[in-house]
């Protein structure tokens, strides 16, 4: 191994160590903040959040199907559709963040 290769390898190891330290600090910060704010997150609570997203999805899709309803004015239907879409998308993003935090090990699901 040449001196240049050795120096490059040494620098790469240093960077990896720094990134590992950052990852550890980020994990600890997330774990601490999440547990302080949410307390424990149980499997039942996690599942209820998933069901809430499913309900919002169903409401949104139902509003799409209701566009064919001739008894409401088009503006009302479009506004309702937008409101339901925004609610569904926001909940979906939130649940995605919850799943991400679980996958990253920021919290454990309690029984």
PDB file of N, CA and C in Angstrom:
ATOM      1  N   UNK A   1       0.865  -1.180   0.000  1.00  0.00           N
ATOM      2  CA  UNK A   1       0.000   0.000   0.000  1.00  0.00           C
ATOM      3  C   UNK A   1       0.902   1.231   0.000  1.00  0.00           C
ATOM      4  N   UNK A   2       0.645   2.122  -0.919  1.00  0.00           N
ATOM      5  CA  UNK A   2       1.448   3.347  -1.002  1.00  0.00           C
ATOM      6  C   UNK A   2       1.046   4.306   0.122  1.00  0.00           C
ATOM      7  N   UNK A   3       1.872   5.289   0.339  1.00  0.00           N
ATOM      8  CA  UNK A   3       1.591   6.303   1.372  1.00  0.00           C
ATOM      9  C   UNK A   3       0.294   7.030   1.050  1.00  0.00           C
ATOM     10  N   UNK A   4       0.095   7.332  -0.227  1.00  0.00           N
ATOM     11  CA  UNK A   4      -1.120   8.029  -0.642  1.00  0.00           C
ATOM     12  C   UNK A   4      -2.360   7.173  -0.352  1.00  0.00           C
ATOM     13  N   UNK A   5      -2.286   5.878  -0.673  1.00  0.00           N
ATOM     14  CA  UNK A   5      -3.412   4.979  -0.403  1.00  0.00           C
ATOM     15  C   UNK A   5      -3.669   4.862   1.092  1.00  0.00           C
ATOM     16  N   UNK A   6      -2.590   4.801   1.876  1.00  0.00           N
ATOM     17  CA  UNK A   6      -2.722   4.707   3.330  1.00  0.00           C
ATOM     18  C   UNK A   6      -3.373   5.951   3.897  1.00  0.00           C
ATOM     19  N   UNK A   7      -2.931   7.139   3.435  1.00  0.00           N
ATOM     20  CA  UNK A   7      -3.517   8.400   3.895  1.00  0.00           C
ATOM     21  C   UNK A   7      -4.993   8.479   3.527  1.00  0.00           C
ATOM     22  N   UNK A   8      -5.315   8.055   2.314  1.00  0.00           N
ATOM     23  CA  UNK A   8      -6.702   8.073   1.855  1.00  0.00           C
ATOM     24  C   UNK A   8      -7.556   7.139   2.705  1.00  0.00           C
ATOM     25  N   UNK A   9      -7.027   5.959   2.994  1.00  0.00           N
ATOM     26  CA  UNK A   9      -7.743   4.987   3.821  1.00  0.00           C
ATOM     27  C   UNK A   9      -7.940   5.517   5.241  1.00  0.00           C
ATOM     28  N   UNK A  10      -6.911   6.143   5.783  1.00  0.00           N
ATOM     29  CA  UNK A  10      -6.987   6.715   7.133  1.00  0.00           C
ATOM     30  C   UNK A  10      -8.044   7.814   7.188  1.00  0.00           C
ATOM     31  N   UNK A  11      -8.069   8.671   6.179  1.00  0.00           N
ATOM     32  CA  UNK A  11      -9.066   9.738   6.126  1.00  0.00           C
ATOM     33  C   UNK A  11     -10.474   9.169   6.007  1.00  0.00           C
ATOM     34  N   UNK A  12     -10.621   8.127   5.213  1.00  0.00           N
ATOM     35  CA  UNK A  12     -11.936   7.490   5.066  1.00  0.00           C
ATOM     36  C   UNK A  12     -12.402   6.901   6.394  1.00  0.00           C
ATOM     37  N   UNK A  13     -11.508   6.272   7.125  1.00  0.00           N
ATOM     38  CA  UNK A  13     -11.858   5.732   8.440  1.00  0.00           C
ATOM     39  C   UNK A  13     -12.280   6.839   9.403  1.00  0.00           C
ATOM     40  N   UNK A  14     -11.577   7.960   9.367  1.00  0.00           N
ATOM     41  CA  UNK A  14     -11.935   9.095  10.225  1.00  0.00           C
ATOM     42  C   UNK A  14     -13.331   9.603   9.897  1.00  0.00           C
ATOM     43  N   UNK A  15     -13.623   9.747   8.583  1.00  0.00           N
ATOM     44  CA  UNK A  15     -14.953  10.209   8.171  1.00  0.00           C
ATOM     45  C   UNK A  15     -16.032   9.228   8.611  1.00  0.00           C
ATOM     46  N   UNK A  16     -15.765   7.953   8.448  1.00  0.00           N
ATOM     47  CA  UNK A  16     -16.739   6.935   8.866  1.00  0.00           C
ATOM     48  C   UNK A  16     -16.996   7.016  10.362  1.00  0.00           C
ATOM     49  N   UNK A  17     -15.954   7.226  11.136  1.00  0.00           N
ATOM     50  CA  UNK A  17     -16.106   7.354  12.592  1.00  0.00           C
ATOM     51  C   UNK A  17     -16.969   8.565  12.945  1.00  0.00           C
ATOM     52  N   UNK A  18     -16.713   9.681  12.261  1.00  0.00           N
ATOM     53  CA  UNK A  18     -17.490  10.900  12.511  1.00  0.00           C
ATOM     54  C   UNK A  18     -18.950  10.666  12.141  1.00  0.00           C
ATOM     55  N   UNK A  19     -19.198  10.054  10.973  1.00  0.00           N
ATOM     56  CA  UNK A  19     -20.584   9.772  10.564  1.00  0.00           C
ATOM     57  C   UNK A  19     -21.263   8.841  11.555  1.00  0.00           C
ATOM     58  N   UNK A  20     -20.531   7.867  12.056  1.00  0.00           N
ATOM     59  CA  UNK A  20     -21.097   6.946  13.050  1.00  0.00           C
ATOM     60  C   UNK A  20     -21.459   7.708  14.325  1.00  0.00           C
ATOM     61  N   UNK A  21     -20.577   8.615  14.751  1.00  0.00           N
ATOM     62  CA  UNK A  21     -20.859   9.418  15.941  1.00  0.00           C
ATOM     63  C   UNK A  21     -22.098  10.290  15.730  1.00  0.00           C
ATOM     64  N   UNK A  22     -22.216  10.889  14.539  1.00  0.00           N
ATOM     65  CA  UNK A  22     -23.402  11.687  14.234  1.00  0.00           C
ATOM     66  C   UNK A  22     -24.658  10.828  14.267  1.00  0.00           C
ATOM     67  N   UNK A  23     -24.611   9.676  13.642  1.00  0.00           N
ATOM     68  CA  UNK A  23     -25.770   8.777  13.629  1.00  0.00           C
ATOM     69  C   UNK A  23     -26.185   8.413  15.051  1.00  0.00           C
ATOM     70  N   UNK A  24     -25.209   8.106  15.887  1.00  0.00           N
ATOM     71  CA  UNK A  24     -25.498   7.747  17.277  1.00  0.00           C
ATOM     72  C   UNK A  24     -26.126   8.927  18.021  1.00  0.00           C
ATOM     73  N   UNK A  25     -25.577  10.120  17.836  1.00  0.00           N
ATOM     74  CA  UNK A  25     -26.116  11.310  18.503  1.00  0.00           C
ATOM     75  C   UNK A  25     -27.537  11.602  18.009  1.00  0.00           C
ATOM     76  N   UNK A  26     -27.767  11.455  16.713  1.00  0.00           N
ATOM     77  CA  UNK A  26     -29.097  11.687  16.149  1.00  0.00           C
ATOM     78  C   UNK A  26     -30.091  10.670  16.701  1.00  0.00           C
ATOM     79  N   UNK A  27     -29.674   9.409  16.771  1.00  0.00           N
ATOM     80  CA  UNK A  27     -30.551   8.362  17.319  1.00  0.00           C
ATOM     81  C   UNK A  27     -30.911   8.665  18.774  1.00  0.00           C
ATOM     82  N   UNK A  28     -29.909   9.041  19.557  1.00  0.00           N
ATOM     83  CA  UNK A  28     -30.153   9.353  20.970  1.00  0.00           C
ATOM     84  C   UNK A  28     -31.074  10.555  21.118  1.00  0.00           C
ATOM     85  N   UNK A  29     -30.875  11.592  20.307  1.00  0.00           N
ATOM     86  CA  UNK A  29     -31.722  12.785  20.374  1.00  0.00           C
ATOM     87  C   UNK A  29     -33.161  12.440  20.010  1.00  0.00           C
ATOM     88  N   UNK A  30     -33.344  11.672  18.935  1.00  0.00           N
ATOM     89  CA  UNK A  30     -34.689  11.285  18.524  1.00  0.00           C
ATOM     90  C   UNK A  30     -35.361  10.414  19.569  1.00  0.00           C
ATOM     91  N   UNK A  31     -34.637   9.455  20.088  1.00  0.00           N
ATOM     92  CA  UNK A  31     -35.200   8.564  21.103  1.00  0.00           C
ATOM     93  C   UNK A  31     -35.640   9.349  22.327  1.00  0.00           C
ATOM     94  N   UNK A  32     -34.780  10.241  22.776  1.00  0.00           N
ATOM     95  CA  UNK A  32     -35.092  11.046  23.955  1.00  0.00           C
ATOM     96  C   UNK A  32     -36.290  11.962  23.711  1.00  0.00           C
ATOM     97  N   UNK A  33     -36.276  12.692  22.610  1.00  0.00           N
ATOM     98  CA  UNK A  33     -37.365  13.635  22.315  1.00  0.00           C
ATOM     99  C   UNK A  33     -38.694  12.921  22.109  1.00  0.00           C
ATOM    100  N   UNK A  34     -38.680  11.840  21.356  1.00  0.00           N
ATOM    101  CA  UNK A  34     -39.923  11.120  21.075  1.00  0.00           C
ATOM    102  C   UNK A  34     -40.504  10.534  22.352  1.00  0.00           C
ATOM    103  N   UNK A  35     -39.665   9.900  23.174  1.00  0.00           N
ATOM    104  CA  UNK A  35     -40.204   9.294  24.397  1.00  0.00           C
ATOM    105  C   UNK A  35     -40.702  10.354  25.373  1.00  0.00           C
ATOM    106  N   UNK A  36     -40.019  11.500  25.414  1.00  0.00           N
ATOM    107  CA  UNK A  36     -40.443  12.573  26.320  1.00  0.00           C
ATOM    108  C   UNK A  36     -41.813  13.125  25.896  1.00  0.00           C
ATOM    109  N   UNK A  37     -42.039  13.261  24.605  1.00  0.00           N
ATOM    110  CA  UNK A  37     -43.279  13.858  24.114  1.00  0.00           C
ATOM    111  C   UNK A  37     -44.421  12.842  24.063  1.00  0.00           C
ATOM    112  N   UNK A  38     -44.138  11.639  23.581  1.00  0.00           N
ATOM    113  CA  UNK A  38     -45.209  10.664  23.366  1.00  0.00           C
ATOM    114  C   UNK A  38     -45.385   9.680  24.510  1.00  0.00           C
ATOM    115  N   UNK A  39     -44.398   9.591  25.381  1.00  0.00           N
ATOM    116  CA  UNK A  39     -44.442   8.514  26.369  1.00  0.00           C
ATOM    117  C   UNK A  39     -44.178   7.211  25.628  1.00  0.00           C
ATOM    118  N   UNK A  40     -44.803   6.153  26.057  1.00  0.00           N
ATOM    119  CA  UNK A  40     -44.655   4.893  25.338  1.00  0.00           C
ATOM    120  C   UNK A  40     -45.639   4.816  24.183  1.00  0.00           C
ATOM    121  N   UNK A  41     -45.230   4.167  23.131  1.00  0.00           N
ATOM    122  CA  UNK A  41     -46.112   3.957  21.983  1.00  0.00           C
ATOM    123  C   UNK A  41     -46.388   2.464  21.912  1.00  0.00           C
ATOM    124  N   UNK A  42     -47.646   2.117  22.127  1.00  0.00           N
ATOM    125  CA  UNK A  42     -48.016   0.710  22.130  1.00  0.00           C
ATOM    126  C   UNK A  42     -48.420   0.223  20.749  1.00  0.00           C
ATOM    127  N   UNK A  43     -48.406  -1.089  20.597  1.00  0.00           N
ATOM    128  CA  UNK A  43     -48.818  -1.694  19.327  1.00  0.00           C
ATOM    129  C   UNK A  43     -50.240  -1.288  18.972  1.00  0.00           C
ATOM    130  N   UNK A  44     -51.107  -1.250  19.985  1.00  0.00           N
ATOM    131  CA  UNK A  44     -52.506  -0.890  19.738  1.00  0.00           C
ATOM    132  C   UNK A  44     -52.628   0.553  19.242  1.00  0.00           C
ATOM    133  N   UNK A  45     -51.854   1.449  19.840  1.00  0.00           N
ATOM    134  CA  UNK A  45     -51.888   2.852  19.439  1.00  0.00           C
ATOM    135  C   UNK A  45     -51.373   3.007  18.007  1.00  0.00           C
ATOM    136  N   UNK A  46     -50.318   2.287  17.674  1.00  0.00           N
ATOM    137  CA  UNK A  46     -49.752   2.321  16.329  1.00  0.00           C
ATOM    138  C   UNK A  46     -50.789   1.828  15.315  1.00  0.00           C
ATOM    139  N   UNK A  47     -51.458   0.738  15.641  1.00  0.00           N
ATOM    140  CA  UNK A  47     -52.479   0.188  14.752  1.00  0.00           C
ATOM    141  C   UNK A  47     -53.663   1.152  14.609  1.00  0.00           C
ATOM    142  N   UNK A  48     -54.063   1.801  15.693  1.00  0.00           N
ATOM    143  CA  UNK A  48     -55.154   2.780  15.618  1.00  0.00           C
ATOM    144  C   UNK A  48     -54.793   3.940  14.693  1.00  0.00           C
ATOM    145  N   UNK A  49     -53.532   4.339  14.706  1.00  0.00           N
ATOM    146  CA  UNK A  49     -53.093   5.404  13.797  1.00  0.00           C
ATOM    147  C   UNK A  49     -53.196   4.931  12.346  1.00  0.00           C
ATOM    148  N   UNK A  50     -52.813   3.690  12.092  1.00  0.00           N
ATOM    149  CA  UNK A  50     -52.918   3.140  10.731  1.00  0.00           C
ATOM    150  C   UNK A  50     -54.378   3.081  10.287  1.00  0.00           C
ATOM    151  N   UNK A  51     -55.262   2.705  11.193  1.00  0.00           N
ATOM    152  CA  UNK A  51     -56.694   2.629  10.871  1.00  0.00           C
ATOM    153  C   UNK A  51     -57.259   4.022  10.609  1.00  0.00           C
ATOM    154  N   UNK A  52     -56.800   5.017  11.355  1.00  0.00           N
ATOM    155  CA  UNK A  52     -57.255   6.393  11.132  1.00  0.00           C
ATOM    156  C   UNK A  52     -56.860   6.860   9.733  1.00  0.00           C
ATOM    157  N   UNK A  53     -55.661   6.513   9.289  1.00  0.00           N
ATOM    158  CA  UNK A  53     -55.229   6.866   7.929  1.00  0.00           C
ATOM    159  C   UNK A  53     -56.107   6.140   6.909  1.00  0.00           C
ATOM    160  N   UNK A  54     -56.419   4.884   7.172  1.00  0.00           N
ATOM    161  CA  UNK A  54     -57.277   4.119   6.255  1.00  0.00           C
ATOM    162  C   UNK A  54     -58.664   4.752   6.140  1.00  0.00           C
ATOM    163  N   UNK A  55     -59.192   5.235   7.254  1.00  0.00           N
ATOM    164  CA  UNK A  55     -60.508   5.892   7.226  1.00  0.00           C
ATOM    165  C   UNK A  55     -60.466   7.178   6.411  1.00  0.00           C
ATOM    166  N   UNK A  56     -59.400   7.952   6.593  1.00  0.00           N
ATOM    167  CA  UNK A  56     -59.266   9.185   5.819  1.00  0.00           C
ATOM    168  C   UNK A  56     -59.111   8.879   4.331  1.00  0.00           C
ATOM    169  N   UNK A  57     -58.390   7.808   4.014  1.00  0.00           N
ATOM    170  CA  UNK A  57     -58.267   7.389   2.615  1.00  0.00           C
ATOM    171  C   UNK A  57     -59.635   7.035   2.058  1.00  0.00           C
ATOM    172  N   UNK A  58     -60.412   6.274   2.824  1.00  0.00           N
ATOM    173  CA  UNK A  58     -61.751   5.877   2.380  1.00  0.00           C
ATOM    174  C   UNK A  58     -62.647   7.103   2.188  1.00  0.00           C
ATOM    175  N   UNK A  59     -62.584   8.055   3.112  1.00  0.00           N
ATOM    176  CA  UNK A  59     -63.377   9.285   2.984  1.00  0.00           C
ATOM    177  C   UNK A  59     -62.997  10.050   1.723  1.00  0.00           C
ATOM    178  N   UNK A  60     -61.710  10.129   1.459  1.00  0.00           N
ATOM    179  CA  UNK A  60     -61.236  10.830   0.269  1.00  0.00           C
ATOM    180  C   UNK A  60     -61.721  10.127  -1.002  1.00  0.00           C
ATOM    181  N   UNK A  61     -61.565   8.816  -1.052  1.00  0.00           N
ATOM    182  CA  UNK A  61     -62.006   8.078  -2.239  1.00  0.00           C
ATOM    183  C   UNK A  61     -63.519   8.161  -2.419  1.00  0.00           C
ATOM    184  N   UNK A  62     -64.252   8.177  -1.314  1.00  0.00           N
ATOM    185  CA  UNK A  62     -65.694   8.337  -1.392  1.00  0.00           C
ATOM    186  C   UNK A  62     -66.056   9.708  -1.969  1.00  0.00           C
ATOM    187  N   UNK A  63     -65.304  10.731  -1.580  1.00  0.00           N
ATOM    188  CA  UNK A  63     -65.548  12.074  -2.119  1.00  0.00           C
ATOM    189  C   UNK A  63     -65.272  12.106  -3.619  1.00  0.00           C
ATOM    190  N   UNK A  64     -64.267  11.355  -4.064  1.00  0.00           N
ATOM    191  CA  UNK A  64     -64.004  11.265  -5.500  1.00  0.00           C
ATOM    192  C   UNK A  64     -65.214  10.668  -6.203  1.00  0.00           C
ATOM    193  N   UNK A  65     -65.757   9.588  -5.635  1.00  0.00           N
ATOM    194  CA  UNK A  65     -66.918   8.939  -6.238  1.00  0.00           C
ATOM    195  C   UNK A  65     -68.159   9.829  -6.191  1.00  0.00           C
ATOM    196  N   UNK A  66     -68.252  10.690  -5.184  1.00  0.00           N
ATOM    197  CA  UNK A  66     -69.408  11.575  -5.045  1.00  0.00           C
ATOM    198  C   UNK A  66     -69.409  12.710  -6.055  1.00  0.00           C
ATOM    199  N   UNK A  67     -68.335  12.901  -6.772  1.00  0.00           N
ATOM    200  CA  UNK A  67     -68.304  13.953  -7.794  1.00  0.00           C
ATOM    201  C   UNK A  67     -69.397  13.730  -8.835  1.00  0.00           C
ATOM    202  N   UNK A  68     -69.795  12.482  -9.005  1.00  0.00           N
ATOM    203  CA  UNK A  68     -70.835  12.170  -9.990  1.00  0.00           C
ATOM    204  C   UNK A  68     -72.230  12.516  -9.476  1.00  0.00           C
ATOM    205  N   UNK A  69     -72.332  12.846  -8.179  1.00  0.00           N
ATOM    206  CA  UNK A  69     -73.614  13.185  -7.574  1.00  0.00           C
ATOM    207  C   UNK A  69     -74.084  14.535  -8.116  1.00  0.00           C
ATOM    208  N   UNK A  70     -75.196  14.561  -8.836  1.00  0.00           N
ATOM    209  CA  UNK A  70     -75.691  15.787  -9.446  1.00  0.00           C
ATOM    210  C   UNK A  70     -76.446  16.695  -8.494  1.00  0.00           C
ATOM    211  N   UNK A  71     -76.637  16.295  -7.233  1.00  0.00           N
ATOM    212  CA  UNK A  71     -77.409  17.099  -6.290  1.00  0.00           C
ATOM    213  C   UNK A  71     -76.585  18.203  -5.637  1.00  0.00           C
ATOM    214  N   UNK A  72     -75.268  18.136  -5.753  1.00  0.00           N
ATOM    215  CA  UNK A  72     -74.423  19.171  -5.155  1.00  0.00           C
ATOM    216  C   UNK A  72     -73.785  19.990  -6.255  1.00  0.00           C
ATOM    217  N   UNK A  73     -73.538  21.249  -5.943  1.00  0.00           N
ATOM    218  CA  UNK A  73     -72.883  22.074  -6.959  1.00  0.00           C
ATOM    219  C   UNK A  73     -71.421  21.636  -7.085  1.00  0.00           C
ATOM    220  N   UNK A  74     -70.851  21.829  -8.245  1.00  0.00           N
ATOM    221  CA  UNK A  74     -69.495  21.361  -8.542  1.00  0.00           C
ATOM    222  C   UNK A  74     -68.463  21.996  -7.611  1.00  0.00           C
ATOM    223  N   UNK A  75     -68.642  23.290  -7.270  1.00  0.00           N
ATOM    224  CA  UNK A  75     -67.676  23.949  -6.382  1.00  0.00           C
ATOM    225  C   UNK A  75     -67.663  23.312  -5.006  1.00  0.00           C
ATOM    226  N   UNK A  76     -68.854  23.003  -4.476  1.00  0.00           N
ATOM    227  CA  UNK A  76     -68.930  22.341  -3.167  1.00  0.00           C
ATOM    228  C   UNK A  76     -68.209  21.009  -3.210  1.00  0.00           C
ATOM    229  N   UNK A  77     -68.449  20.222  -4.237  1.00  0.00           N
ATOM    230  CA  UNK A  77     -67.824  18.908  -4.358  1.00  0.00           C
ATOM    231  C   UNK A  77     -66.313  19.032  -4.476  1.00  0.00           C
ATOM    232  N   UNK A  78     -65.856  19.987  -5.260  1.00  0.00           N
ATOM    233  CA  UNK A  78     -64.417  20.176  -5.435  1.00  0.00           C
ATOM    234  C   UNK A  78     -63.773  20.625  -4.125  1.00  0.00           C
ATOM    235  N   UNK A  79     -64.416  21.510  -3.404  1.00  0.00           N
ATOM    236  CA  UNK A  79     -63.874  21.965  -2.125  1.00  0.00           C
ATOM    237  C   UNK A  79     -63.824  20.827  -1.105  1.00  0.00           C
ATOM    238  N   UNK A  80     -64.875  20.025  -1.072  1.00  0.00           N
ATOM    239  CA  UNK A  80     -64.905  18.882  -0.153  1.00  0.00           C
ATOM    240  C   UNK A  80     -63.831  17.871  -0.533  1.00  0.00           C
ATOM    241  N   UNK A  81     -63.675  17.636  -1.808  1.00  0.00           N
ATOM    242  CA  UNK A  81     -62.653  16.711  -2.284  1.00  0.00           C
ATOM    243  C   UNK A  81     -61.265  17.191  -1.862  1.00  0.00           C
ATOM    244  N   UNK A  82     -61.017  18.478  -2.049  1.00  0.00           N
ATOM    245  CA  UNK A  82     -59.718  19.044  -1.666  1.00  0.00           C
ATOM    246  C   UNK A  82     -59.483  18.910  -0.165  1.00  0.00           C
ATOM    247  N   UNK A  83     -60.472  19.222   0.632  1.00  0.00           N
ATOM    248  CA  UNK A  83     -60.346  19.130   2.095  1.00  0.00           C
ATOM    249  C   UNK A  83     -60.018  17.699   2.523  1.00  0.00           C
ATOM    250  N   UNK A  84     -60.727  16.754   1.943  1.00  0.00           N
ATOM    251  CA  UNK A  84     -60.495  15.347   2.316  1.00  0.00           C
ATOM    252  C   UNK A  84     -59.136  14.849   1.822  1.00  0.00           C
ATOM    253  N   UNK A  85     -58.737  15.290   0.626  1.00  0.00           N
ATOM    254  CA  UNK A  85     -57.420  14.891   0.120  1.00  0.00           C
ATOM    255  C   UNK A  85     -56.315  15.425   1.024  1.00  0.00           C
ATOM    256  N   UNK A  86     -56.422  16.687   1.408  1.00  0.00           N
ATOM    257  CA  UNK A  86     -55.403  17.281   2.267  1.00  0.00           C
ATOM    258  C   UNK A  86     -55.335  16.575   3.620  1.00  0.00           C
ATOM    259  N   UNK A  87     -56.489  16.233   4.177  1.00  0.00           N
ATOM    260  CA  UNK A  87     -56.516  15.526   5.461  1.00  0.00           C
ATOM    261  C   UNK A  87     -55.857  14.151   5.321  1.00  0.00           C
ATOM    262  N   UNK A  88     -56.209  13.444   4.252  1.00  0.00           N
ATOM    263  CA  UNK A  88     -55.633  12.122   4.022  1.00  0.00           C
ATOM    264  C   UNK A  88     -54.124  12.207   3.804  1.00  0.00           C
ATOM    265  N   UNK A  89     -53.687  13.114   2.932  1.00  0.00           N
ATOM    266  CA  UNK A  89     -52.261  13.222   2.636  1.00  0.00           C
ATOM    267  C   UNK A  89     -51.455  13.612   3.868  1.00  0.00           C
ATOM    268  N   UNK A  90     -51.991  14.517   4.676  1.00  0.00           N
ATOM    269  CA  UNK A  90     -51.287  14.937   5.883  1.00  0.00           C
ATOM    270  C   UNK A  90     -51.150  13.770   6.862  1.00  0.00           C
ATOM    271  N   UNK A  91     -52.238  13.024   7.032  1.00  0.00           N
ATOM    272  CA  UNK A  91     -52.194  11.866   7.924  1.00  0.00           C
ATOM    273  C   UNK A  91     -51.236  10.806   7.392  1.00  0.00           C
ATOM    274  N   UNK A  92     -51.233  10.609   6.088  1.00  0.00           N
ATOM    275  CA  UNK A  92     -50.336   9.630   5.476  1.00  0.00           C
ATOM    276  C   UNK A  92     -48.872  10.014   5.698  1.00  0.00           C
ATOM    277  N   UNK A  93     -48.564  11.292   5.534  1.00  0.00           N
ATOM    278  CA  UNK A  93     -47.203  11.759   5.799  1.00  0.00           C
ATOM    279  C   UNK A  93     -46.825  11.565   7.269  1.00  0.00           C
ATOM    280  N   UNK A  94     -47.757  11.879   8.141  1.00  0.00           N
ATOM    281  CA  UNK A  94     -47.495  11.706   9.568  1.00  0.00           C
ATOM    282  C   UNK A  94     -47.265  10.252   9.939  1.00  0.00           C
ATOM    283  N   UNK A  95     -48.095   9.375   9.397  1.00  0.00           N
ATOM    284  CA  UNK A  95     -47.933   7.956   9.694  1.00  0.00           C
ATOM    285  C   UNK A  95     -46.619   7.438   9.095  1.00  0.00           C
ATOM    286  N   UNK A  96     -46.253   7.970   7.931  1.00  0.00           N
ATOM    287  CA  UNK A  96     -44.962   7.606   7.338  1.00  0.00           C
ATOM    288  C   UNK A  96     -43.803   7.998   8.244  1.00  0.00           C
ATOM    289  N   UNK A  97     -43.901   9.161   8.865  1.00  0.00           N
ATOM    290  CA  UNK A  97     -42.865   9.606   9.798  1.00  0.00           C
ATOM    291  C   UNK A  97     -42.826   8.702  11.028  1.00  0.00           C
ATOM    292  N   UNK A  98     -43.989   8.278  11.483  1.00  0.00           N
ATOM    293  CA  UNK A  98     -44.059   7.367  12.623  1.00  0.00           C
ATOM    294  C   UNK A  98     -43.399   6.034  12.286  1.00  0.00           C
ATOM    295  N   UNK A  99     -43.714   5.491  11.110  1.00  0.00           N
ATOM    296  CA  UNK A  99     -43.106   4.230  10.670  1.00  0.00           C
ATOM    297  C   UNK A  99     -41.597   4.370  10.515  1.00  0.00           C
ATOM    298  N   UNK A 100     -41.168   5.493   9.953  1.00  0.00           N
ATOM    299  CA  UNK A 100     -39.736   5.742   9.773  1.00  0.00           C
ATOM    300  C   UNK A 100     -39.019   5.739  11.134  1.00  0.00           C
ATOM    301  N   UNK A 101     -39.615   6.418  12.103  1.00  0.00           N
ATOM    302  CA  UNK A 101     -39.019   6.475  13.437  1.00  0.00           C
ATOM    303  C   UNK A 101     -38.937   5.082  14.055  1.00  0.00           C
ATOM    304  N   UNK A 102     -39.957   4.275  13.845  1.00  0.00           N
ATOM    305  CA  UNK A 102     -39.946   2.904  14.365  1.00  0.00           C
ATOM    306  C   UNK A 102     -38.847   2.086  13.681  1.00  0.00           C
ATOM    307  N   UNK A 103     -38.765   2.186  12.358  1.00  0.00           N
ATOM    308  CA  UNK A 103     -37.737   1.447  11.614  1.00  0.00           C
ATOM    309  C   UNK A 103     -36.326   1.858  12.010  1.00  0.00           C
ATOM    310  N   UNK A 104     -36.138   3.139  12.307  1.00  0.00           N
ATOM    311  CA  UNK A 104     -34.822   3.636  12.703  1.00  0.00           C
ATOM    312  C   UNK A 104     -34.483   3.294  14.159  1.00  0.00           C
ATOM    313  N   UNK A 105     -35.455   2.751  14.883  1.00  0.00           N
ATOM    314  CA  UNK A 105     -35.203   2.372  16.268  1.00  0.00           C
ATOM    315  C   UNK A 105     -35.290   3.519  17.245  1.00  0.00           C
ATOM    316  N   UNK A 106     -36.005   4.587  16.867  1.00  0.00           N
ATOM    317  CA  UNK A 106     -36.139   5.737  17.752  1.00  0.00           C
ATOM    318  C   UNK A 106     -37.091   5.434  18.901  1.00  0.00           C
ATOM    319  N   UNK A 107     -37.915   4.405  18.742  1.00  0.00           N
ATOM    320  CA  UNK A 107     -38.752   3.942  19.829  1.00  0.00           C
ATOM    321  C   UNK A 107     -39.081   2.476  19.586  1.00  0.00           C
ATOM    322  N   UNK A 108     -39.464   1.805  20.644  1.00  0.00           N
ATOM    323  CA  UNK A 108     -39.897   0.415  20.568  1.00  0.00           C
ATOM    324  C   UNK A 108     -41.394   0.385  20.828  1.00  0.00           C
ATOM    325  N   UNK A 109     -42.078  -0.484  20.127  1.00  0.00           N
ATOM    326  CA  UNK A 109     -43.520  -0.634  20.396  1.00  0.00           C
ATOM    327  C   UNK A 109     -43.684  -1.431  21.681  1.00  0.00           C
ATOM    328  N   UNK A 110     -44.424  -0.867  22.612  1.00  0.00           N
ATOM    329  CA  UNK A 110     -44.704  -1.605  23.834  1.00  0.00           C
ATOM    330  C   UNK A 110     -45.902  -2.523  23.581  1.00  0.00           C
ATOM    331  N   UNK A 111     -45.970  -3.633  24.317  1.00  0.00           N
ATOM    332  CA  UNK A 111     -47.073  -4.595  24.076  1.00  0.00           C
ATOM    333  C   UNK A 111     -48.450  -4.020  24.333  1.00  0.00           C
TER     334      UNK A 111
END
